[in-house]
Protein backbone atom coordinates (compact mmCIF):
# COMPACT_ATOMS: atom_id res chain seq x y z
CA ILE A 1 -2.94 24.26 15.64
CA ASN A 2 -5.87 26.51 14.72
CA ALA A 3 -8.66 25.00 16.80
CA SER A 4 -11.50 26.25 18.96
CA ARG A 5 -14.03 24.68 21.33
CA VAL A 6 -17.65 25.31 20.41
CA ARG A 7 -20.25 24.81 23.18
CA HIS A 8 -23.85 23.96 22.14
CA LEU A 9 -26.88 24.68 24.27
CA ASP A 10 -28.24 21.14 23.92
CA GLY A 11 -25.46 19.03 22.58
CA PRO A 12 -21.91 17.90 23.14
CA GLU A 13 -18.94 20.25 22.97
CA THR A 14 -17.24 20.27 19.60
CA ILE A 15 -13.71 21.18 18.49
CA VAL A 16 -13.49 22.90 15.12
CA ALA A 17 -10.11 23.16 13.42
CA GLN A 18 -8.32 23.85 10.19
CA ALA A 19 -6.43 20.98 8.64
CA PRO A 20 -2.90 20.76 10.12
CA MET A 21 0.25 21.36 8.18
CA GLN A 22 2.70 18.48 7.75
CA GLU A 23 4.83 19.93 10.55
CA THR A 24 1.92 20.04 12.99
CA ALA A 25 0.03 16.86 12.09
CA ALA A 26 1.44 14.88 15.06
CA HIS A 27 0.38 17.76 17.38
CA PHE A 28 -3.09 17.76 15.82
CA TRP A 29 -3.51 14.05 16.53
CA GLN A 30 -2.11 14.53 20.02
CA MET A 31 -4.85 17.14 20.64
CA CYS A 32 -7.47 14.72 19.32
CA TRP A 33 -6.22 11.96 21.60
CA GLU A 34 -5.96 14.24 24.67
CA GLN A 35 -9.46 15.61 24.16
CA ASP A 36 -10.92 12.19 23.32
CA VAL A 37 -12.30 13.31 19.97
CA PRO A 38 -14.63 10.60 18.72
CA THR A 39 -15.20 11.74 15.15
CA ILE A 40 -13.33 13.78 12.51
CA ILE A 41 -15.45 15.46 9.84
CA MET A 42 -13.55 16.91 6.92
CA LEU A 43 -15.48 19.58 4.98
CA THR A 44 -13.10 20.18 2.13
CA ASN A 45 -11.02 18.28 -0.42
CA PHE A 46 -7.31 17.66 -0.13
CA ASP A 47 -6.81 18.90 -3.71
CA GLU A 48 -8.34 21.61 -5.86
CA PRO A 49 -8.52 22.22 -9.58
CA TYR A 50 -5.57 24.12 -10.98
CA GLY A 51 -4.94 25.21 -14.53
CA GLY A 52 -6.50 23.06 -17.22
CA PHE A 53 -6.59 19.48 -18.33
CA GLY A 54 -7.81 18.12 -14.97
CA GLU A 55 -4.71 19.23 -13.08
CA LEU A 56 -4.94 19.39 -9.30
CA LYS A 57 -2.86 21.16 -6.69
CA GLU A 58 -2.64 20.27 -3.02
CA LYS A 59 -5.05 22.32 -0.86
CA SER A 60 -4.41 20.56 2.43
CA PHE A 61 -1.81 18.16 3.85
CA ARG A 62 -3.15 14.61 3.91
CA TYR A 63 -3.44 14.25 7.64
CA LEU A 64 -5.76 11.21 7.59
CA PRO A 65 -6.20 8.10 5.47
CA LEU A 66 -9.34 8.12 3.37
CA ALA A 67 -9.52 4.40 2.54
CA GLU A 68 -10.89 2.05 5.12
CA SER A 69 -8.32 -0.28 6.71
CA LYS A 70 -5.50 2.07 5.69
CA ALA A 71 -3.28 3.65 8.35
CA LEU A 72 -0.85 6.61 8.54
CA LYS A 73 1.64 7.28 11.32
CA PHE A 74 2.22 10.75 12.78
CA GLY A 75 4.84 10.75 15.57
CA PRO A 76 3.57 8.22 18.17
CA PHE A 77 0.04 8.14 16.71
CA THR A 78 -1.19 5.62 14.15
CA VAL A 79 -4.39 6.87 12.47
CA LYS A 80 -6.80 4.43 10.78
CA CYS A 81 -9.85 5.07 8.73
CA VAL A 82 -12.78 3.23 10.30
CA SER A 83 -15.37 4.48 7.86
CA SER A 84 -15.71 7.13 5.14
CA GLU A 85 -18.71 8.77 3.45
CA SER A 86 -18.93 11.17 0.47
CA PRO A 87 -21.93 13.24 -0.52
């Protein structure tokens, strides 16, 4: 897992990470659980434009559900979307 702790002078400690691969998604969620991570903020899309005619290719493994009330299972962890916002 490519993750680092970031300490702020006047705020809470933050963990910044790249999206996990399919093989490491359960480990990613284990890290989030062990470190008591309260919020996940995704700054990129799962897919990106490719070729023409509106084709998309996968940019990141879908390691979290985007629709509220949906759930995905990664090893012993069940991940649910509580809320979602888009710009």
